[in-house]
Amino acid sequence: QVVLVESGGGLVQPGGSLRLSCAASGRTFINYGLAWFRQAPGKERTIVAAINSYGEGTYYADSVKGRFTISRDNAKDTVFLQMDSLEPEDSAVYYCAATWDPAGRRWQYPPAYTNWGQGTQVTVSS
């Protein structure tokens, strides 16, 4: 089991940037695939981006490609989501998630994510 704590959300104007962080504690961080999900009011939780154990493999939802960047620092047990060119449609609660994945076969599979942070609110508004 790994405990995840997000930070970095807030209010930003359209076109602005935010950087979310997620600090992990517990089992060996490098054995986890990591992802960011988001959920807007009245909508389902959907995956935004994912990254494999060593950080060389990444996945992005079509809606954020070219604007968001996921990265991880295995020395600091932290995953990041850099969000640029933010749009009002990006407003949501953003969740950090982890899946135990030493073989590197689960990190792109959203239902595999069973460890969740508490979420951080991102609001894009003028």
Foldseek 3Di string as FASTA:
>chain_A
DKAKAKDWADEAAAQAKTKMKIAIDDDQLLQKKKFKWWDAPPGDIDTAKIAHSVRPDMDGDPVQPPFWDWGDDSVRRMIMIIGGSDDQVPWTWMKMWIARHNPRPPGVPVVRTDHIYPTDTHGYHD
